[in-house]
Amino acid sequence: MKKILALCVVLSALWGSAAGADTPAQLKFMAGPPGGNWFALGGELADLWSKEVMPTTSVTGGAVANIINAHMRKGDLGFSNTSMIAVAQKGTDLGTFKTKSDNAKLLANLYTQYTYFIARKDFTEKNGIKTVDDLVNKKLAFRFATLKTGTGSEFVVKNVFESGFGIDYRKAFKEWGGTVEYASYSGGADLIADNHLDVFAFSVGKVAAIVMQIESTTDVVLLGMSQEALDKVGEAIGTVTFLIDPGIYKSVPASAEPVKVVGDYTSIVVRGDLDDQVVYDLCKSMYNNVEMLAKGVKDIAELDPKTAVPAKGLESHPGAVKFWNEASGKIQ
């Protein structure tokens, strides 16, 4: 009996020590800016985890800052984009992350993230624009906006142009006689509706209310990309190709072809030295309450144990890997 007890103690110590056995009295969850899905879902998760796992507070954050703060232990976990976590871990974009952020690990892919390039229909018809490739190849003077630097949207948009087409959009668009602005989702929607923008680019879920809002006030076109450009972006930052299916949006009617866009995931980044059991319990609590969480933010219903932690491309937290493997029936 004593030998069995001793073995249990050793196994318990090994499980806890894998991530430094760091169990704080309270968790700090870094969400997103006020008014968005991340802010709303962050509050719901903090309340849930406070009841079922341990005290958790939700604070505002951003996709880039949340990775950096998790790496530096200024926060415990928060929302980001999977492609950004992979790039931060590898240290291949020091212009964004300043240093290799290898203490930032993936807790879970939550739901798909689509990058939309929405253009006014009068602009596309006047200039013969059907794709993002056309925007670049024609070198037109046009009015462009995306979300502010430091957001997941701007990170992906920047890499679309840098990796997919070999240009710095901030310099190139101005050299061609155009303009570049940074706006919120609602601000950009107003600008394109008021004819102060020609193209507005951002990342959001598969069925996005903001896209429908823009379509309700303005005739627009959703610009796709060539597979060649999509593959180049994927090679650089780990994104994939998603399709905007016909019939979801007014601007992609049932009679149209699917629109190819950059695909990513909204995910949760967690500091790698947070205790494995705590991370396991966070994943379990979140997964067991997906239906409740989806009442506030529908996209979270996409959470799937089979895609929560990818097999390659970036490092996931051991506690998360253990839970999602169990939940999906995978053998470790």
C-alpha atoms as a PDB file:
ATOM      1  CA  MET A   1       0.000   0.000   0.000  1.00  0.00           C
ATOM      2  CA  LYS A   2       2.814   2.402   0.884  1.00  0.00           C
ATOM      3  CA  LYS A   3       4.448   1.738  -2.494  1.00  0.00           C
ATOM      4  CA  ILE A   4       1.181   2.496  -4.297  1.00  0.00           C
ATOM      5  CA  LEU A   5       0.741   5.745  -2.385  1.00  0.00           C
ATOM      6  CA  ALA A   6       4.313   6.758  -3.126  1.00  0.00           C
ATOM      7  CA  LEU A   7       3.798   6.063  -6.830  1.00  0.00           C
ATOM      8  CA  CYS A   8       0.649   8.206  -6.846  1.00  0.00           C
ATOM      9  CA  VAL A   9       2.556  11.062  -5.248  1.00  0.00           C
ATOM     10  CA  VAL A  10       5.326  10.802  -7.859  1.00  0.00           C
ATOM     11  CA  LEU A  11       2.867  10.726 -10.775  1.00  0.00           C
ATOM     12  CA  SER A  12       0.997  13.688  -9.346  1.00  0.00           C
ATOM     13  CA  ALA A  13       4.222  15.641  -9.001  1.00  0.00           C
ATOM     14  CA  LEU A  14       5.244  14.859 -12.577  1.00  0.00           C
ATOM     15  CA  TRP A  15       1.842  15.992 -13.922  1.00  0.00           C
ATOM     16  CA  GLY A  16       1.988  19.234 -12.007  1.00  0.00           C
ATOM     17  CA  SER A  17       5.637  20.000 -12.722  1.00  0.00           C
ATOM     18  CA  ALA A  18       5.339  19.819 -16.506  1.00  0.00           C
ATOM     19  CA  ALA A  19       4.320  23.466 -16.693  1.00  0.00           C
ATOM     20  CA  GLY A  20       6.128  24.655 -13.608  1.00  0.00           C
ATOM     21  CA  ALA A  21       3.162  23.852 -11.314  1.00  0.00           C
ATOM     22  CA  ASP A  22       2.202  27.533 -11.338  1.00  0.00           C
ATOM     23  CA  THR A  23      -1.294  27.908  -9.889  1.00  0.00           C
ATOM     24  CA  PRO A  24      -2.167  31.552  -9.134  1.00  0.00           C
ATOM     25  CA  ALA A  25      -4.930  32.514  -6.728  1.00  0.00           C
ATOM     26  CA  GLN A  26      -6.786  34.255  -9.566  1.00  0.00           C
ATOM     27  CA  LEU A  27      -6.636  34.083 -13.350  1.00  0.00           C
ATOM     28  CA  LYS A  28      -6.457  37.130 -15.608  1.00  0.00           C
ATOM     29  CA  PHE A  29      -8.262  36.583 -18.908  1.00  0.00           C
ATOM     30  CA  MET A  30      -7.413  39.071 -21.661  1.00  0.00           C
ATOM     31  CA  ALA A  31     -10.397  39.537 -23.981  1.00  0.00           C
ATOM     32  CA  GLY A  32     -10.875  42.160 -26.705  1.00  0.00           C
ATOM     33  CA  PRO A  33     -11.955  45.787 -27.062  1.00  0.00           C
ATOM     34  CA  PRO A  34     -15.379  46.797 -25.710  1.00  0.00           C
ATOM     35  CA  GLY A  35     -18.308  46.119 -28.001  1.00  0.00           C
ATOM     36  CA  GLY A  36     -16.957  43.116 -29.891  1.00  0.00           C
ATOM     37  CA  ASN A  37     -17.555  39.372 -29.651  1.00  0.00           C
ATOM     38  CA  TRP A  38     -14.276  38.831 -27.812  1.00  0.00           C
ATOM     39  CA  PHE A  39     -15.231  41.266 -25.081  1.00  0.00           C
ATOM     40  CA  ALA A  40     -18.645  39.647 -24.624  1.00  0.00           C
ATOM     41  CA  LEU A  41     -17.354  36.068 -24.719  1.00  0.00           C
ATOM     42  CA  GLY A  42     -14.471  36.949 -22.404  1.00  0.00           C
ATOM     43  CA  GLY A  43     -16.904  38.081 -19.749  1.00  0.00           C
ATOM     44  CA  GLU A  44     -18.968  34.902 -20.110  1.00  0.00           C
ATOM     45  CA  LEU A  45     -15.886  32.678 -19.831  1.00  0.00           C
ATOM     46  CA  ALA A  46     -14.581  34.548 -16.785  1.00  0.00           C
ATOM     47  CA  ASP A  47     -17.927  34.106 -15.022  1.00  0.00           C
ATOM     48  CA  LEU A  48     -18.078  30.421 -15.950  1.00  0.00           C
ATOM     49  CA  TRP A  49     -14.531  29.634 -14.846  1.00  0.00           C
ATOM     50  CA  SER A  50     -14.970  31.584 -11.621  1.00  0.00           C
ATOM     51  CA  LYS A  51     -17.860  29.262 -10.758  1.00  0.00           C
ATOM     52  CA  GLU A  52     -16.364  25.982 -11.939  1.00  0.00           C
ATOM     53  CA  VAL A  53     -12.557  26.258 -11.869  1.00  0.00           C
ATOM     54  CA  MET A  54     -11.090  29.242 -10.008  1.00  0.00           C
ATOM     55  CA  PRO A  55     -11.575  33.026  -9.676  1.00  0.00           C
ATOM     56  CA  THR A  56     -11.097  34.676 -13.086  1.00  0.00           C
ATOM     57  CA  THR A  57     -11.261  38.314 -14.129  1.00  0.00           C
ATOM     58  CA  SER A  58     -11.785  39.529 -17.701  1.00  0.00           C
ATOM     59  CA  VAL A  59      -9.943  42.607 -18.980  1.00  0.00           C
ATOM     60  CA  THR A  60      -9.744  44.327 -22.361  1.00  0.00           C
ATOM     61  CA  GLY A  61      -7.010  43.224 -24.725  1.00  0.00           C
ATOM     62  CA  GLY A  62      -5.957  42.664 -28.320  1.00  0.00           C
ATOM     63  CA  ALA A  63      -4.717  39.781 -30.446  1.00  0.00           C
ATOM     64  CA  VAL A  64      -1.051  40.856 -30.433  1.00  0.00           C
ATOM     65  CA  ALA A  65      -0.923  42.210 -26.887  1.00  0.00           C
ATOM     66  CA  ASN A  66      -2.562  39.089 -25.472  1.00  0.00           C
ATOM     67  CA  ILE A  67       0.175  36.862 -26.897  1.00  0.00           C
ATOM     68  CA  ILE A  68       2.955  39.116 -25.623  1.00  0.00           C
ATOM     69  CA  ASN A  69       1.377  39.443 -22.178  1.00  0.00           C
ATOM     70  CA  ALA A  70       0.842  35.680 -21.885  1.00  0.00           C
ATOM     71  CA  HIS A  71       4.481  35.100 -22.832  1.00  0.00           C
ATOM     72  CA  MET A  72       5.656  37.671 -20.265  1.00  0.00           C
ATOM     73  CA  ARG A  73       3.253  36.418 -17.547  1.00  0.00           C
ATOM     74  CA  LYS A  74       1.391  39.740 -17.416  1.00  0.00           C
ATOM     75  CA  GLY A  75      -1.810  37.819 -18.088  1.00  0.00           C
ATOM     76  CA  ASP A  76      -2.699  34.148 -17.890  1.00  0.00           C
ATOM     77  CA  LEU A  77      -4.708  33.595 -21.050  1.00  0.00           C
ATOM     78  CA  GLY A  78      -6.698  35.474 -23.665  1.00  0.00           C
ATOM     79  CA  PHE A  79      -8.087  35.619 -27.178  1.00  0.00           C
ATOM     80  CA  SER A  80      -5.925  35.753 -30.277  1.00  0.00           C
ATOM     81  CA  ASN A  81      -5.625  34.187 -33.715  1.00  0.00           C
ATOM     82  CA  THR A  82      -3.958  30.853 -34.306  1.00  0.00           C
ATOM     83  CA  SER A  83      -1.723  32.143 -37.104  1.00  0.00           C
ATOM     84  CA  MET A  84      -0.424  34.895 -34.830  1.00  0.00           C
ATOM     85  CA  ILE A  85       0.427  32.449 -32.045  1.00  0.00           C
ATOM     86  CA  ALA A  86       2.407  30.302 -34.486  1.00  0.00           C
ATOM     87  CA  VAL A  87       4.341  33.291 -35.831  1.00  0.00           C
ATOM     88  CA  ALA A  88       5.022  34.597 -32.312  1.00  0.00           C
ATOM     89  CA  GLN A  89       6.345  31.225 -31.140  1.00  0.00           C
ATOM     90  CA  LYS A  90       8.722  31.004 -34.096  1.00  0.00           C
ATOM     91  CA  GLY A  91       9.880  34.617 -33.789  1.00  0.00           C
ATOM     92  CA  THR A  92       9.511  35.181 -37.539  1.00  0.00           C
ATOM     93  CA  ASP A  93       7.739  38.566 -37.273  1.00  0.00           C
ATOM     94  CA  LEU A  94       9.815  40.567 -34.824  1.00  0.00           C
ATOM     95  CA  GLY A  95       8.361  43.763 -36.227  1.00  0.00           C
ATOM     96  CA  THR A  96       5.103  42.780 -34.564  1.00  0.00           C
ATOM     97  CA  PHE A  97       6.222  40.760 -31.548  1.00  0.00           C
ATOM     98  CA  LYS A  98       9.700  42.244 -30.873  1.00  0.00           C
ATOM     99  CA  THR A  99      10.923  38.938 -29.423  1.00  0.00           C
ATOM    100  CA  LYS A 100      10.243  35.216 -29.739  1.00  0.00           C
ATOM    101  CA  SER A 101       7.182  34.475 -27.592  1.00  0.00           C
ATOM    102  CA  ASP A 102       7.696  30.784 -26.883  1.00  0.00           C
ATOM    103  CA  ASN A 103       5.955  30.843 -23.488  1.00  0.00           C
ATOM    104  CA  ALA A 104       2.691  31.578 -25.319  1.00  0.00           C
ATOM    105  CA  LYS A 105       0.891  28.301 -26.063  1.00  0.00           C
ATOM    106  CA  LEU A 106      -2.388  27.385 -27.706  1.00  0.00           C
ATOM    107  CA  LEU A 107      -5.239  26.395 -25.388  1.00  0.00           C
ATOM    108  CA  ALA A 108      -7.828  25.855 -28.133  1.00  0.00           C
ATOM    109  CA  ASN A 109      -8.997  26.815 -31.596  1.00  0.00           C
ATOM    110  CA  LEU A 110     -12.498  28.130 -30.893  1.00  0.00           C
ATOM    111  CA  TYR A 111     -14.120  29.068 -34.182  1.00  0.00           C
ATOM    112  CA  THR A 112     -13.264  29.883 -37.764  1.00  0.00           C
ATOM    113  CA  GLN A 113     -12.162  33.365 -38.730  1.00  0.00           C
ATOM    114  CA  TYR A 114     -12.650  34.665 -42.276  1.00  0.00           C
ATOM    115  CA  THR A 115     -10.800  37.656 -43.735  1.00  0.00           C
ATOM    116  CA  TYR A 116     -13.193  39.771 -45.792  1.00  0.00           C
ATOM    117  CA  PHE A 117     -12.261  42.335 -48.430  1.00  0.00           C
ATOM    118  CA  ILE A 118     -15.487  44.275 -48.973  1.00  0.00           C
ATOM    119  CA  ALA A 119     -15.552  46.692 -51.901  1.00  0.00           C
ATOM    120  CA  ARG A 120     -18.204  49.123 -53.073  1.00  0.00           C
ATOM    121  CA  LYS A 121     -19.910  47.708 -56.150  1.00  0.00           C
ATOM    122  CA  ASP A 122     -19.709  50.998 -58.055  1.00  0.00           C
ATOM    123  CA  PHE A 123     -15.934  51.005 -57.527  1.00  0.00           C
ATOM    124  CA  THR A 124     -15.475  47.412 -58.738  1.00  0.00           C
ATOM    125  CA  GLU A 125     -17.671  47.883 -61.809  1.00  0.00           C
ATOM    126  CA  LYS A 126     -15.953  51.122 -62.806  1.00  0.00           C
ATOM    127  CA  ASN A 127     -12.469  49.592 -62.529  1.00  0.00           C
ATOM    128  CA  GLY A 128     -13.047  45.965 -63.494  1.00  0.00           C
ATOM    129  CA  ILE A 129     -12.171  44.616 -60.050  1.00  0.00           C
ATOM    130  CA  LYS A 130     -13.179  41.041 -59.186  1.00  0.00           C
ATOM    131  CA  THR A 131     -10.439  39.919 -56.780  1.00  0.00           C
ATOM    132  CA  VAL A 132      -7.847  41.259 -54.353  1.00  0.00           C
ATOM    133  CA  ASP A 133      -5.302  40.284 -57.003  1.00  0.00           C
ATOM    134  CA  ASP A 134      -6.903  42.832 -59.346  1.00  0.00           C
ATOM    135  CA  LEU A 135      -6.515  45.590 -56.751  1.00  0.00           C
ATOM    136  CA  VAL A 136      -2.781  44.955 -56.615  1.00  0.00           C
ATOM    137  CA  ASN A 137      -2.131  44.239 -60.288  1.00  0.00           C
ATOM    138  CA  LYS A 138      -3.979  47.347 -61.513  1.00  0.00           C
ATOM    139  CA  LYS A 139      -2.217  49.614 -58.959  1.00  0.00           C
ATOM    140  CA  LEU A 140      -5.304  51.763 -58.649  1.00  0.00           C
ATOM    141  CA  ALA A 141      -5.726  54.821 -56.468  1.00  0.00           C
ATOM    142  CA  PHE A 142      -8.369  53.727 -53.971  1.00  0.00           C
ATOM    143  CA  ARG A 143      -9.497  54.443 -50.425  1.00  0.00           C
ATOM    144  CA  PHE A 144      -8.709  51.547 -48.098  1.00  0.00           C
ATOM    145  CA  ALA A 145      -9.318  50.790 -44.431  1.00  0.00           C
ATOM    146  CA  THR A 146      -8.710  47.936 -42.022  1.00  0.00           C
ATOM    147  CA  LEU A 147      -8.716  47.624 -38.247  1.00  0.00           C
ATOM    148  CA  LYS A 148      -5.963  49.269 -36.227  1.00  0.00           C
ATOM    149  CA  THR A 149      -2.409  47.955 -35.973  1.00  0.00           C
ATOM    150  CA  GLY A 150      -2.135  45.300 -33.255  1.00  0.00           C
ATOM    151  CA  THR A 151      -5.429  43.624 -34.073  1.00  0.00           C
ATOM    152  CA  GLY A 152      -5.682  40.168 -35.583  1.00  0.00           C
ATOM    153  CA  SER A 153      -7.395  41.668 -38.613  1.00  0.00           C
ATOM    154  CA  GLU A 154      -4.570  44.056 -39.437  1.00  0.00           C
ATOM    155  CA  PHE A 155      -1.976  41.326 -38.862  1.00  0.00           C
ATOM    156  CA  VAL A 156      -3.618  39.056 -41.421  1.00  0.00           C
ATOM    157  CA  VAL A 157      -4.326  41.886 -43.883  1.00  0.00           C
ATOM    158  CA  LYS A 158      -0.704  43.030 -43.663  1.00  0.00           C
ATOM    159  CA  ASN A 159       0.485  39.500 -44.397  1.00  0.00           C
ATOM    160  CA  VAL A 160      -1.976  39.072 -47.256  1.00  0.00           C
ATOM    161  CA  PHE A 161      -0.242  41.895 -49.083  1.00  0.00           C
ATOM    162  CA  GLU A 162       3.327  41.211 -47.895  1.00  0.00           C
ATOM    163  CA  SER A 163       3.342  37.425 -48.356  1.00  0.00           C
ATOM    164  CA  GLY A 164       0.680  37.049 -51.020  1.00  0.00           C
ATOM    165  CA  PHE A 165       1.683  39.948 -53.267  1.00  0.00           C
ATOM    166  CA  GLY A 166       5.065  41.212 -52.064  1.00  0.00           C
ATOM    167  CA  ILE A 167       4.000  44.743 -51.119  1.00  0.00           C
ATOM    168  CA  ASP A 168       3.730  46.881 -47.994  1.00  0.00           C
ATOM    169  CA  TYR A 169       0.131  48.044 -48.340  1.00  0.00           C
ATOM    170  CA  ARG A 170       0.691  51.169 -46.244  1.00  0.00           C
ATOM    171  CA  LYS A 171       3.359  52.428 -48.631  1.00  0.00           C
ATOM    172  CA  ALA A 172       2.095  50.992 -51.912  1.00  0.00           C
ATOM    173  CA  PHE A 173      -1.480  52.261 -51.718  1.00  0.00           C
ATOM    174  CA  LYS A 174      -0.299  55.789 -50.967  1.00  0.00           C
ATOM    175  CA  GLU A 175       2.272  55.633 -53.778  1.00  0.00           C
ATOM    176  CA  TRP A 176      -0.554  54.706 -56.154  1.00  0.00           C
ATOM    177  CA  GLY A 177      -2.456  57.818 -55.068  1.00  0.00           C
ATOM    178  CA  GLY A 178      -4.802  56.143 -52.600  1.00  0.00           C
ATOM    179  CA  THR A 179      -5.355  56.445 -48.853  1.00  0.00           C
ATOM    180  CA  VAL A 180      -5.105  54.117 -45.851  1.00  0.00           C
ATOM    181  CA  GLU A 181      -7.244  54.456 -42.740  1.00  0.00           C
ATOM    182  CA  TYR A 182      -7.733  52.462 -39.544  1.00  0.00           C
ATOM    183  CA  ALA A 183     -11.254  52.053 -38.217  1.00  0.00           C
ATOM    184  CA  SER A 184     -13.419  49.955 -35.936  1.00  0.00           C
ATOM    185  CA  TYR A 185     -15.887  47.495 -37.435  1.00  0.00           C
ATOM    186  CA  SER A 186     -18.770  49.937 -37.089  1.00  0.00           C
ATOM    187  CA  GLY A 187     -16.627  52.916 -38.105  1.00  0.00           C
ATOM    188  CA  GLY A 188     -15.491  51.203 -41.287  1.00  0.00           C
ATOM    189  CA  ALA A 189     -19.056  50.186 -42.076  1.00  0.00           C
ATOM    190  CA  ASP A 190     -20.143  53.820 -41.811  1.00  0.00           C
ATOM    191  CA  LEU A 191     -17.237  55.027 -43.958  1.00  0.00           C
ATOM    192  CA  ILE A 192     -17.968  52.622 -46.803  1.00  0.00           C
ATOM    193  CA  ALA A 193     -21.709  53.390 -46.606  1.00  0.00           C
ATOM    194  CA  ASP A 194     -21.015  57.137 -46.790  1.00  0.00           C
ATOM    195  CA  ASN A 195     -18.713  56.649 -49.810  1.00  0.00           C
ATOM    196  CA  HIS A 196     -15.565  57.603 -47.900  1.00  0.00           C
ATOM    197  CA  LEU A 197     -14.007  54.181 -48.579  1.00  0.00           C
ATOM    198  CA  ASP A 198     -13.718  51.915 -51.595  1.00  0.00           C
ATOM    199  CA  VAL A 199     -12.466  48.796 -49.777  1.00  0.00           C
ATOM    200  CA  PHE A 200     -12.755  47.719 -46.126  1.00  0.00           C
ATOM    201  CA  ALA A 201     -10.851  44.618 -44.928  1.00  0.00           C
ATOM    202  CA  PHE A 202     -11.210  42.766 -41.626  1.00  0.00           C
ATOM    203  CA  SER A 203     -11.414  39.312 -40.048  1.00  0.00           C
ATOM    204  CA  VAL A 204     -14.565  37.985 -38.414  1.00  0.00           C
ATOM    205  CA  GLY A 205     -16.663  34.806 -38.173  1.00  0.00           C
ATOM    206  CA  LYS A 206     -18.305  32.816 -40.961  1.00  0.00           C
ATOM    207  CA  VAL A 207     -21.738  34.413 -40.622  1.00  0.00           C
ATOM    208  CA  ALA A 208     -20.956  38.002 -39.662  1.00  0.00           C
ATOM    209  CA  ALA A 209     -23.544  40.562 -38.636  1.00  0.00           C
ATOM    210  CA  ILE A 210     -21.182  43.394 -39.605  1.00  0.00           C
ATOM    211  CA  VAL A 211     -21.071  42.151 -43.213  1.00  0.00           C
ATOM    212  CA  MET A 212     -24.864  41.997 -43.326  1.00  0.00           C
ATOM    213  CA  GLN A 213     -25.040  45.474 -41.830  1.00  0.00           C
ATOM    214  CA  ILE A 214     -22.826  46.849 -44.607  1.00  0.00           C
ATOM    215  CA  GLU A 215     -24.872  45.036 -47.250  1.00  0.00           C
ATOM    216  CA  SER A 216     -28.093  46.521 -45.871  1.00  0.00           C
ATOM    217  CA  THR A 217     -26.916  50.073 -46.590  1.00  0.00           C
ATOM    218  CA  THR A 218     -24.563  49.731 -49.565  1.00  0.00           C
ATOM    219  CA  ASP A 219     -24.181  47.637 -52.721  1.00  0.00           C
ATOM    220  CA  VAL A 220     -20.901  45.793 -52.176  1.00  0.00           C
ATOM    221  CA  VAL A 221     -18.828  42.925 -53.537  1.00  0.00           C
ATOM    222  CA  LEU A 222     -16.828  40.389 -51.503  1.00  0.00           C
ATOM    223  CA  LEU A 223     -13.431  40.092 -53.166  1.00  0.00           C
ATOM    224  CA  GLY A 224     -11.772  36.688 -53.240  1.00  0.00           C
ATOM    225  CA  MET A 225      -8.133  35.798 -53.857  1.00  0.00           C
ATOM    226  CA  SER A 226      -6.276  33.519 -56.247  1.00  0.00           C
ATOM    227  CA  GLN A 227      -5.198  30.150 -54.854  1.00  0.00           C
ATOM    228  CA  GLU A 228      -1.587  31.075 -55.601  1.00  0.00           C
ATOM    229  CA  ALA A 229      -1.777  34.126 -53.335  1.00  0.00           C
ATOM    230  CA  LEU A 230      -3.673  32.197 -50.653  1.00  0.00           C
ATOM    231  CA  ASP A 231      -1.003  29.492 -50.649  1.00  0.00           C
ATOM    232  CA  LYS A 232       1.779  32.062 -50.249  1.00  0.00           C
ATOM    233  CA  VAL A 233       0.043  33.587 -47.234  1.00  0.00           C
ATOM    234  CA  GLY A 234      -0.496  30.123 -45.775  1.00  0.00           C
ATOM    235  CA  GLU A 235       3.177  29.244 -46.142  1.00  0.00           C
ATOM    236  CA  ALA A 236       4.155  32.443 -44.338  1.00  0.00           C
ATOM    237  CA  ILE A 237       1.750  32.506 -41.387  1.00  0.00           C
ATOM    238  CA  GLY A 238      -0.042  29.158 -41.334  1.00  0.00           C
ATOM    239  CA  THR A 239      -3.466  30.251 -42.569  1.00  0.00           C
ATOM    240  CA  VAL A 240      -5.676  28.082 -44.781  1.00  0.00           C
ATOM    241  CA  THR A 241      -8.230  28.610 -47.545  1.00  0.00           C
ATOM    242  CA  PHE A 242     -11.869  29.017 -46.519  1.00  0.00           C
ATOM    243  CA  LEU A 243     -14.864  29.400 -48.812  1.00  0.00           C
ATOM    244  CA  ILE A 244     -17.664  31.925 -48.386  1.00  0.00           C
ATOM    245  CA  ASP A 245     -20.548  29.808 -49.579  1.00  0.00           C
ATOM    246  CA  PRO A 246     -23.232  31.266 -51.856  1.00  0.00           C
ATOM    247  CA  GLY A 247     -26.446  32.220 -50.137  1.00  0.00           C
ATOM    248  CA  ILE A 248     -25.029  33.379 -46.809  1.00  0.00           C
ATOM    249  CA  TYR A 249     -24.657  36.981 -47.911  1.00  0.00           C
ATOM    250  CA  LYS A 250     -26.613  39.186 -50.283  1.00  0.00           C
ATOM    251  CA  SER A 251     -23.382  39.991 -52.163  1.00  0.00           C
ATOM    252  CA  VAL A 252     -22.688  36.272 -52.767  1.00  0.00           C
ATOM    253  CA  PRO A 253     -26.078  35.050 -54.070  1.00  0.00           C
ATOM    254  CA  ALA A 254     -27.022  31.396 -54.450  1.00  0.00           C
ATOM    255  CA  SER A 255     -26.206  31.576 -58.162  1.00  0.00           C
ATOM    256  CA  ALA A 256     -22.614  32.736 -57.544  1.00  0.00           C
ATOM    257  CA  GLU A 257     -19.415  30.729 -57.136  1.00  0.00           C
ATOM    258  CA  PRO A 258     -17.932  30.315 -53.631  1.00  0.00           C
ATOM    259  CA  VAL A 259     -15.467  33.077 -52.731  1.00  0.00           C
ATOM    260  CA  LYS A 260     -11.970  31.966 -51.667  1.00  0.00           C
ATOM    261  CA  VAL A 261     -10.588  33.869 -48.674  1.00  0.00           C
ATOM    262  CA  VAL A 262      -7.881  33.598 -46.013  1.00  0.00           C
ATOM    263  CA  GLY A 263      -8.998  31.310 -43.196  1.00  0.00           C
ATOM    264  CA  ASP A 264      -7.815  31.299 -39.592  1.00  0.00           C
ATOM    265  CA  TYR A 265      -9.182  30.578 -36.121  1.00  0.00           C
ATOM    266  CA  THR A 266     -10.122  32.699 -33.167  1.00  0.00           C
ATOM    267  CA  SER A 267      -8.276  30.922 -30.399  1.00  0.00           C
ATOM    268  CA  ILE A 268      -7.211  31.168 -26.784  1.00  0.00           C
ATOM    269  CA  VAL A 269      -3.540  31.705 -25.998  1.00  0.00           C
ATOM    270  CA  VAL A 270      -2.282  30.654 -22.558  1.00  0.00           C
ATOM    271  CA  ARG A 271       1.043  31.069 -20.811  1.00  0.00           C
ATOM    272  CA  GLY A 272       2.996  27.844 -21.044  1.00  0.00           C
ATOM    273  CA  ASP A 273       3.958  27.762 -17.365  1.00  0.00           C
ATOM    274  CA  LEU A 274       0.366  27.725 -16.100  1.00  0.00           C
ATOM    275  CA  ASP A 275      -0.359  24.485 -14.226  1.00  0.00           C
ATOM    276  CA  ASP A 276      -1.420  21.602 -16.477  1.00  0.00           C
ATOM    277  CA  GLN A 277      -4.376  20.587 -14.321  1.00  0.00           C
ATOM    278  CA  VAL A 278      -5.713  24.144 -14.267  1.00  0.00           C
ATOM    279  CA  VAL A 279      -5.539  24.323 -18.073  1.00  0.00           C
ATOM    280  CA  TYR A 280      -7.181  20.903 -18.365  1.00  0.00           C
ATOM    281  CA  ASP A 281     -10.022  22.038 -16.108  1.00  0.00           C
ATOM    282  CA  LEU A 282     -10.473  25.298 -18.055  1.00  0.00           C
ATOM    283  CA  CYS A 283     -10.835  23.355 -21.305  1.00  0.00           C
ATOM    284  CA  LYS A 284     -13.254  20.885 -19.735  1.00  0.00           C
ATOM    285  CA  SER A 285     -15.449  23.598 -18.243  1.00  0.00           C
ATOM    286  CA  MET A 286     -15.574  25.548 -21.510  1.00  0.00           C
ATOM    287  CA  TYR A 287     -16.391  22.490 -23.622  1.00  0.00           C
ATOM    288  CA  ASN A 288     -19.074  21.234 -21.255  1.00  0.00           C
ATOM    289  CA  ASN A 289     -20.825  24.620 -21.416  1.00  0.00           C
ATOM    290  CA  VAL A 290     -20.591  25.397 -25.141  1.00  0.00           C
ATOM    291  CA  GLU A 291     -24.359  25.500 -25.619  1.00  0.00           C
ATOM    292  CA  MET A 292     -24.741  28.071 -22.862  1.00  0.00           C
ATOM    293  CA  LEU A 293     -21.857  30.188 -24.201  1.00  0.00           C
ATOM    294  CA  ALA A 294     -23.292  30.050 -27.737  1.00  0.00           C
ATOM    295  CA  LYS A 295     -26.437  31.832 -26.577  1.00  0.00           C
ATOM    296  CA  GLY A 296     -24.296  34.957 -26.271  1.00  0.00           C
ATOM    297  CA  VAL A 297     -21.790  34.419 -29.106  1.00  0.00           C
ATOM    298  CA  LYS A 298     -23.028  31.899 -31.690  1.00  0.00           C
ATOM    299  CA  ASP A 299     -19.601  31.267 -33.202  1.00  0.00           C
ATOM    300  CA  ILE A 300     -18.367  29.390 -30.106  1.00  0.00           C
ATOM    301  CA  ALA A 301     -20.730  26.550 -31.085  1.00  0.00           C
ATOM    302  CA  GLU A 302     -18.078  25.627 -33.687  1.00  0.00           C
ATOM    303  CA  LEU A 303     -15.692  24.466 -30.923  1.00  0.00           C
ATOM    304  CA  ASP A 304     -14.655  20.926 -31.890  1.00  0.00           C
ATOM    305  CA  PRO A 305     -12.228  18.699 -29.921  1.00  0.00           C
ATOM    306  CA  LYS A 306     -10.904  17.298 -33.213  1.00  0.00           C
ATOM    307  CA  THR A 307      -9.667  20.715 -34.387  1.00  0.00           C
ATOM    308  CA  ALA A 308      -9.053  22.388 -31.011  1.00  0.00           C
ATOM    309  CA  VAL A 309      -5.315  21.672 -31.054  1.00  0.00           C
ATOM    310  CA  PRO A 310      -3.611  21.078 -34.430  1.00  0.00           C
ATOM    311  CA  ALA A 311      -1.129  18.234 -34.773  1.00  0.00           C
ATOM    312  CA  LYS A 312       1.579  20.498 -36.177  1.00  0.00           C
ATOM    313  CA  GLY A 313       2.445  24.109 -36.884  1.00  0.00           C
ATOM    314  CA  LEU A 314       2.514  25.456 -33.335  1.00  0.00           C
ATOM    315  CA  GLU A 315       2.878  24.400 -29.711  1.00  0.00           C
ATOM    316  CA  SER A 316      -0.193  23.720 -27.584  1.00  0.00           C
ATOM    317  CA  HIS A 317      -0.284  23.603 -23.782  1.00  0.00           C
ATOM    318  CA  PRO A 318       0.133  20.029 -22.424  1.00  0.00           C
ATOM    319  CA  GLY A 319      -2.946  20.378 -20.234  1.00  0.00           C
ATOM    320  CA  ALA A 320      -4.991  21.407 -23.262  1.00  0.00           C
ATOM    321  CA  VAL A 321      -3.603  18.606 -25.424  1.00  0.00           C
ATOM    322  CA  LYS A 322      -4.526  16.072 -22.745  1.00  0.00           C
ATOM    323  CA  PHE A 323      -8.128  17.261 -22.479  1.00  0.00           C
ATOM    324  CA  TRP A 324      -8.834  17.683 -26.199  1.00  0.00           C
ATOM    325  CA  ASN A 325      -7.298  14.296 -27.003  1.00  0.00           C
ATOM    326  CA  GLU A 326      -9.549  12.688 -24.417  1.00  0.00           C
ATOM    327  CA  ALA A 327     -12.620  14.591 -25.609  1.00  0.00           C
ATOM    328  CA  SER A 328     -12.027  13.615 -29.237  1.00  0.00           C
ATOM    329  CA  GLY A 329     -11.219   9.992 -28.440  1.00  0.00           C
ATOM    330  CA  LYS A 330      -7.621  10.276 -29.614  1.00  0.00           C
ATOM    331  CA  ILE A 331      -5.010   8.047 -28.016  1.00  0.00           C
ATOM    332  CA  GLN A 332      -2.127  10.012 -26.536  1.00  0.00           C
END
